[in-house]
PDB file of N, CA and C in Angstrom:
ATOM      1  N   MET A   1     -93.862  49.912  65.610  1.00  0.00           N
ATOM      2  CA  MET A   1     -92.552  50.335  66.013  1.00  0.00           C
ATOM      3  C   MET A   1     -91.827  49.222  66.766  1.00  0.00           C
ATOM      4  N   GLY A   2     -92.518  48.573  67.636  1.00  0.00           N
ATOM      5  CA  GLY A   2     -91.896  47.530  68.434  1.00  0.00           C
ATOM      6  C   GLY A   2     -91.360  46.397  67.587  1.00  0.00           C
ATOM      7  N   ASN A   3     -92.181  45.901  66.665  1.00  0.00           N
ATOM      8  CA  ASN A   3     -91.742  44.797  65.809  1.00  0.00           C
ATOM      9  C   ASN A   3     -90.612  45.225  64.880  1.00  0.00           C
ATOM     10  N   LYS A   4     -90.706  46.427  64.324  1.00  0.00           N
ATOM     11  CA  LYS A   4     -89.647  46.914  63.436  1.00  0.00           C
ATOM     12  C   LYS A   4     -88.345  47.078  64.201  1.00  0.00           C
ATOM     13  N   SER A   5     -88.412  47.591  65.430  1.00  0.00           N
ATOM     14  CA  SER A   5     -87.183  47.749  66.205  1.00  0.00           C
ATOM     15  C   SER A   5     -86.561  46.385  66.491  1.00  0.00           C
ATOM     16  N   LEU A   6     -87.383  45.389  66.785  1.00  0.00           N
ATOM     17  CA  LEU A   6     -86.859  44.041  67.019  1.00  0.00           C
ATOM     18  C   LEU A   6     -86.222  43.464  65.754  1.00  0.00           C
ATOM     19  N   ASP A   7     -86.815  43.762  64.578  1.00  0.00           N
ATOM     20  CA  ASP A   7     -86.230  43.331  63.305  1.00  0.00           C
ATOM     21  C   ASP A   7     -84.839  43.939  63.120  1.00  0.00           C
ATOM     22  N   HIS A   8     -84.726  45.235  63.401  1.00  0.00           N
ATOM     23  CA  HIS A   8     -83.435  45.924  63.256  1.00  0.00           C
ATOM     24  C   HIS A   8     -82.406  45.376  64.244  1.00  0.00           C
ATOM     25  N   ILE A   9     -82.827  45.119  65.454  1.00  0.00           N
ATOM     26  CA  ILE A   9     -81.926  44.578  66.472  1.00  0.00           C
ATOM     27  C   ILE A   9     -81.417  43.204  66.044  1.00  0.00           C
ATOM     28  N   ALA A  10     -82.295  42.392  65.467  1.00  0.00           N
ATOM     29  CA  ALA A  10     -81.896  41.070  64.992  1.00  0.00           C
ATOM     30  C   ALA A  10     -80.849  41.164  63.886  1.00  0.00           C
ATOM     31  N   ARG A  11     -80.851  42.280  63.144  1.00  0.00           N
ATOM     32  CA  ARG A  11     -79.861  42.494  62.085  1.00  0.00           C
ATOM     33  C   ARG A  11     -78.610  43.213  62.581  1.00  0.00           C
ATOM     34  N   GLY A  12     -78.526  43.428  63.920  1.00  0.00           N
ATOM     35  CA  GLY A  12     -77.321  44.021  64.486  1.00  0.00           C
ATOM     36  C   GLY A  12     -77.367  45.517  64.712  1.00  0.00           C
ATOM     37  N   TYR A  13     -78.508  46.144  64.466  1.00  0.00           N
ATOM     38  CA  TYR A  13     -78.636  47.582  64.691  1.00  0.00           C
ATOM     39  C   TYR A  13     -79.150  47.843  66.103  1.00  0.00           C
ATOM     40  N   ASP A  14     -79.041  49.093  66.530  1.00  0.00           N
ATOM     41  CA  ASP A  14     -79.581  49.524  67.817  1.00  0.00           C
ATOM     42  C   ASP A  14     -80.816  50.371  67.540  1.00  0.00           C
ATOM     43  N   ALA A  15     -81.790  50.308  68.422  1.00  0.00           N
ATOM     44  CA  ALA A  15     -83.012  51.105  68.261  1.00  0.00           C
ATOM     45  C   ALA A  15     -83.299  51.834  69.574  1.00  0.00           C
ATOM     46  N   PRO A  16     -82.549  52.907  69.860  1.00  0.00           N
ATOM     47  CA  PRO A  16     -82.725  53.579  71.144  1.00  0.00           C
ATOM     48  C   PRO A  16     -83.987  54.430  71.232  1.00  0.00           C
ATOM     49  N   TYR A  17     -84.574  54.803  70.070  1.00  0.00           N
ATOM     50  CA  TYR A  17     -85.707  55.720  70.097  1.00  0.00           C
ATOM     51  C   TYR A  17     -86.463  55.596  68.784  1.00  0.00           C
ATOM     52  N   ALA A  18     -87.776  55.661  68.863  1.00  0.00           N
ATOM     53  CA  ALA A  18     -88.608  55.676  67.658  1.00  0.00           C
ATOM     54  C   ALA A  18     -89.862  56.482  67.970  1.00  0.00           C
ATOM     55  N   PHE A  19     -90.473  57.029  66.932  1.00  0.00           N
ATOM     56  CA  PHE A  19     -91.714  57.777  67.135  1.00  0.00           C
ATOM     57  C   PHE A  19     -92.554  57.712  65.877  1.00  0.00           C
ATOM     58  N   GLU A  20     -93.798  58.104  66.020  1.00  0.00           N
ATOM     59  CA  GLU A  20     -94.687  58.193  64.865  1.00  0.00           C
ATOM     60  C   GLU A  20     -95.513  59.463  64.971  1.00  0.00           C
ATOM     61  N   GLU A  21     -96.122  59.823  63.874  1.00  0.00           N
ATOM     62  CA  GLU A  21     -96.854  61.087  63.817  1.00  0.00           C
ATOM     63  C   GLU A  21     -98.056  61.132  64.763  1.00  0.00           C
ATOM     64  N   ALA A  22     -98.522  59.991  65.214  1.00  0.00           N
ATOM     65  CA  ALA A  22     -99.685  59.944  66.118  1.00  0.00           C
ATOM     66  C   ALA A  22     -99.259  60.099  67.580  1.00  0.00           C
ATOM     67  N   ILE A  23     -98.135  60.761  67.790  1.00  0.00           N
ATOM     68  CA  ILE A  23     -97.600  61.046  69.120  1.00  0.00           C
ATOM     69  C   ILE A  23     -97.372  59.770  69.918  1.00  0.00           C
ATOM     70  N   GLY A  24     -96.730  58.812  69.280  1.00  0.00           N
ATOM     71  CA  GLY A  24     -96.320  57.601  69.971  1.00  0.00           C
ATOM     72  C   GLY A  24     -94.808  57.575  70.055  1.00  0.00           C
ATOM     73  N   TYR A  25     -94.275  57.277  71.220  1.00  0.00           N
ATOM     74  CA  TYR A  25     -92.829  57.278  71.425  1.00  0.00           C
ATOM     75  C   TYR A  25     -92.377  55.940  71.986  1.00  0.00           C
ATOM     76  N   MET A  26     -91.239  55.459  71.530  1.00  0.00           N
ATOM     77  CA  MET A  26     -90.657  54.228  72.047  1.00  0.00           C
ATOM     78  C   MET A  26     -89.231  54.539  72.465  1.00  0.00           C
ATOM     79  N   PHE A  27     -88.878  54.176  73.693  1.00  0.00           N
ATOM     80  CA  PHE A  27     -87.538  54.424  74.217  1.00  0.00           C
ATOM     81  C   PHE A  27     -86.827  53.114  74.453  1.00  0.00           C
ATOM     82  N   GLY A  28     -85.888  52.792  73.589  1.00  0.00           N
ATOM     83  CA  GLY A  28     -85.016  51.641  73.761  1.00  0.00           C
ATOM     84  C   GLY A  28     -85.719  50.378  74.178  1.00  0.00           C
ATOM     85  N   ASP A  29     -85.127  49.686  75.144  1.00  0.00           N
ATOM     86  CA  ASP A  29     -85.684  48.402  75.557  1.00  0.00           C
ATOM     87  C   ASP A  29     -86.579  48.514  76.790  1.00  0.00           C
ATOM     88  N   ILE A  30     -86.967  49.743  77.155  1.00  0.00           N
ATOM     89  CA  ILE A  30     -87.880  49.913  78.286  1.00  0.00           C
ATOM     90  C   ILE A  30     -89.221  49.271  77.947  1.00  0.00           C
ATOM     91  N   VAL A  31     -89.796  49.678  76.824  1.00  0.00           N
ATOM     92  CA  VAL A  31     -91.025  49.083  76.301  1.00  0.00           C
ATOM     93  C   VAL A  31     -90.885  49.110  74.793  1.00  0.00           C
ATOM     94  N   ARG A  32     -90.956  47.972  74.152  1.00  0.00           N
ATOM     95  CA  ARG A  32     -90.781  47.904  72.699  1.00  0.00           C
ATOM     96  C   ARG A  32     -92.079  48.209  71.964  1.00  0.00           C
ATOM     97  N   ASP A  33     -92.685  49.297  72.323  1.00  0.00           N
ATOM     98  CA  ASP A  33     -93.887  49.756  71.647  1.00  0.00           C
ATOM     99  C   ASP A  33     -94.108  51.194  72.066  1.00  0.00           C
ATOM    100  N   LYS A  34     -94.961  51.895  71.338  1.00  0.00           N
ATOM    101  CA  LYS A  34     -95.254  53.253  71.769  1.00  0.00           C
ATOM    102  C   LYS A  34     -96.093  53.169  73.035  1.00  0.00           C
ATOM    103  N   ASP A  35     -95.686  53.909  74.009  1.00  0.00           N
ATOM    104  CA  ASP A  35     -96.334  53.823  75.308  1.00  0.00           C
ATOM    105  C   ASP A  35     -96.159  55.154  76.023  1.00  0.00           C
ATOM    106  N   GLY A  36     -97.242  55.859  76.219  1.00  0.00           N
ATOM    107  CA  GLY A  36     -97.186  57.156  76.873  1.00  0.00           C
ATOM    108  C   GLY A  36     -96.663  57.077  78.293  1.00  0.00           C
ATOM    109  N   ILE A  37     -96.968  55.996  78.994  1.00  0.00           N
ATOM    110  CA  ILE A  37     -96.488  55.841  80.363  1.00  0.00           C
ATOM    111  C   ILE A  37     -94.973  55.683  80.371  1.00  0.00           C
ATOM    112  N   ALA A  38     -94.433  54.861  79.480  1.00  0.00           N
ATOM    113  CA  ALA A  38     -92.983  54.689  79.392  1.00  0.00           C
ATOM    114  C   ALA A  38     -92.310  56.005  79.007  1.00  0.00           C
ATOM    115  N   ALA A  39     -92.898  56.738  78.058  1.00  0.00           N
ATOM    116  CA  ALA A  39     -92.343  58.025  77.641  1.00  0.00           C
ATOM    117  C   ALA A  39     -92.338  59.002  78.810  1.00  0.00           C
ATOM    118  N   ALA A  40     -93.412  59.035  79.567  1.00  0.00           N
ATOM    119  CA  ALA A  40     -93.479  59.928  80.726  1.00  0.00           C
ATOM    120  C   ALA A  40     -92.435  59.541  81.772  1.00  0.00           C
ATOM    121  N   THR A  41     -92.230  58.253  81.973  1.00  0.00           N
ATOM    122  CA  THR A  41     -91.242  57.784  82.945  1.00  0.00           C
ATOM    123  C   THR A  41     -89.837  58.216  82.544  1.00  0.00           C
ATOM    124  N   VAL A  42     -89.495  58.063  81.270  1.00  0.00           N
ATOM    125  CA  VAL A  42     -88.177  58.465  80.797  1.00  0.00           C
ATOM    126  C   VAL A  42     -88.013  59.977  80.936  1.00  0.00           C
ATOM    127  N   PHE A  43     -89.035  60.728  80.556  1.00  0.00           N
ATOM    128  CA  PHE A  43     -88.967  62.184  80.664  1.00  0.00           C
ATOM    129  C   PHE A  43     -88.826  62.617  82.123  1.00  0.00           C
ATOM    130  N   LEU A  44     -89.576  62.013  83.009  1.00  0.00           N
ATOM    131  CA  LEU A  44     -89.484  62.383  84.422  1.00  0.00           C
ATOM    132  C   LEU A  44     -88.127  62.020  85.018  1.00  0.00           C
ATOM    133  N   SER A  45     -87.549  60.915  84.584  1.00  0.00           N
ATOM    134  CA  SER A  45     -86.193  60.562  85.029  1.00  0.00           C
ATOM    135  C   SER A  45     -85.196  61.632  84.591  1.00  0.00           C
ATOM    136  N   LEU A  46     -85.347  62.097  83.360  1.00  0.00           N
ATOM    137  CA  LEU A  46     -84.496  63.173  82.866  1.00  0.00           C
ATOM    138  C   LEU A  46     -84.719  64.446  83.678  1.00  0.00           C
ATOM    139  N   ALA A  47     -85.977  64.759  83.949  1.00  0.00           N
ATOM    140  CA  ALA A  47     -86.295  65.968  84.717  1.00  0.00           C
ATOM    141  C   ALA A  47     -85.673  65.923  86.109  1.00  0.00           C
ATOM    142  N   VAL A  48     -85.727  64.778  86.765  1.00  0.00           N
ATOM    143  CA  VAL A  48     -85.133  64.637  88.095  1.00  0.00           C
ATOM    144  C   VAL A  48     -83.631  64.909  88.025  1.00  0.00           C
ATOM    145  N   GLU A  49     -82.978  64.348  87.007  1.00  0.00           N
ATOM    146  CA  GLU A  49     -81.531  64.568  86.856  1.00  0.00           C
ATOM    147  C   GLU A  49     -81.226  66.034  86.597  1.00  0.00           C
ATOM    148  N   ILE A  50     -81.989  66.658  85.713  1.00  0.00           N
ATOM    149  CA  ILE A  50     -81.758  68.062  85.360  1.00  0.00           C
ATOM    150  C   ILE A  50     -81.999  68.964  86.571  1.00  0.00           C
ATOM    151  N   TYR A  51     -83.096  68.762  87.272  1.00  0.00           N
ATOM    152  CA  TYR A  51     -83.383  69.593  88.450  1.00  0.00           C
ATOM    153  C   TYR A  51     -82.354  69.354  89.553  1.00  0.00           C
ATOM    154  N   GLY A  52     -81.780  68.147  89.608  1.00  0.00           N
ATOM    155  CA  GLY A  52     -80.707  67.866  90.561  1.00  0.00           C
ATOM    156  C   GLY A  52     -79.457  68.680  90.278  1.00  0.00           C
ATOM    157  N   ARG A  53     -79.310  69.134  89.048  1.00  0.00           N
ATOM    158  CA  ARG A  53     -78.186  70.001  88.655  1.00  0.00           C
ATOM    159  C   ARG A  53     -78.568  71.479  88.755  1.00  0.00           C
ATOM    160  N   ASN A  54     -79.701  71.749  89.362  1.00  0.00           N
ATOM    161  CA  ASN A  54     -80.226  73.121  89.497  1.00  0.00           C
ATOM    162  C   ASN A  54     -80.459  73.776  88.140  1.00  0.00           C
ATOM    163  N   GLN A  55     -80.913  72.997  87.175  1.00  0.00           N
ATOM    164  CA  GLN A  55     -81.273  73.503  85.861  1.00  0.00           C
ATOM    165  C   GLN A  55     -82.759  73.246  85.629  1.00  0.00           C
ATOM    166  N   LYS A  56     -83.231  73.781  84.523  1.00  0.00           N
ATOM    167  CA  LYS A  56     -84.612  73.535  84.096  1.00  0.00           C
ATOM    168  C   LYS A  56     -84.576  72.811  82.754  1.00  0.00           C
ATOM    169  N   ILE A  57     -85.657  72.119  82.468  1.00  0.00           N
ATOM    170  CA  ILE A  57     -85.767  71.416  81.181  1.00  0.00           C
ATOM    171  C   ILE A  57     -85.600  72.402  80.034  1.00  0.00           C
ATOM    172  N   SER A  58     -86.191  73.583  80.157  1.00  0.00           N
ATOM    173  CA  SER A  58     -86.082  74.580  79.085  1.00  0.00           C
ATOM    174  C   SER A  58     -84.629  74.981  78.849  1.00  0.00           C
ATOM    175  N   GLN A  59     -83.822  75.016  79.905  1.00  0.00           N
ATOM    176  CA  GLN A  59     -82.400  75.334  79.733  1.00  0.00           C
ATOM    177  C   GLN A  59     -81.690  74.219  78.964  1.00  0.00           C
ATOM    178  N   LEU A  60     -82.002  72.980  79.299  1.00  0.00           N
ATOM    179  CA  LEU A  60     -81.405  71.854  78.582  1.00  0.00           C
ATOM    180  C   LEU A  60     -81.794  71.893  77.108  1.00  0.00           C
ATOM    181  N   LEU A  61     -83.054  72.147  76.823  1.00  0.00           N
ATOM    182  CA  LEU A  61     -83.505  72.206  75.428  1.00  0.00           C
ATOM    183  C   LEU A  61     -82.792  73.320  74.672  1.00  0.00           C
ATOM    184  N   THR A  62     -82.588  74.454  75.328  1.00  0.00           N
ATOM    185  CA  THR A  62     -81.861  75.563  74.696  1.00  0.00           C
ATOM    186  C   THR A  62     -80.421  75.156  74.409  1.00  0.00           C
ATOM    187  N   GLN A  63     -79.778  74.487  75.361  1.00  0.00           N
ATOM    188  CA  GLN A  63     -78.399  74.025  75.164  1.00  0.00           C
ATOM    189  C   GLN A  63     -78.326  73.036  73.989  1.00  0.00           C
ATOM    190  N   LEU A  64     -79.264  72.118  73.934  1.00  0.00           N
ATOM    191  CA  LEU A  64     -79.291  71.151  72.834  1.00  0.00           C
ATOM    192  C   LEU A  64     -79.513  71.842  71.495  1.00  0.00           C
ATOM    193  N   TYR A  65     -80.402  72.823  71.490  1.00  0.00           N
ATOM    194  CA  TYR A  65     -80.675  73.573  70.261  1.00  0.00           C
ATOM    195  C   TYR A  65     -79.423  74.304  69.792  1.00  0.00           C
ATOM    196  N   GLU A  66     -78.720  74.935  70.743  1.00  0.00           N
ATOM    197  CA  GLU A  66     -77.524  75.696  70.388  1.00  0.00           C
ATOM    198  C   GLU A  66     -76.408  74.776  69.895  1.00  0.00           C
ATOM    199  N   ARG A  67     -76.338  73.584  70.447  1.00  0.00           N
ATOM    200  CA  ARG A  67     -75.317  72.621  70.030  1.00  0.00           C
ATOM    201  C   ARG A  67     -75.589  72.165  68.614  1.00  0.00           C
TER     202      ARG A  67
END
């Protein structure tokens, strides 16, 4: 994933997110590879923001689903 995202970036594309069936996630330029620690960090940052709005992650997911 990391090398492919770099290939796409070199061609002018953006690669904000990638994943594979083996539960590997890549988030933008935080870490250009699947990394559970990076994925957890991004998720926890989102959780902090959501809880700061007095919401729950499940509420956000429901809103996204409805949209």
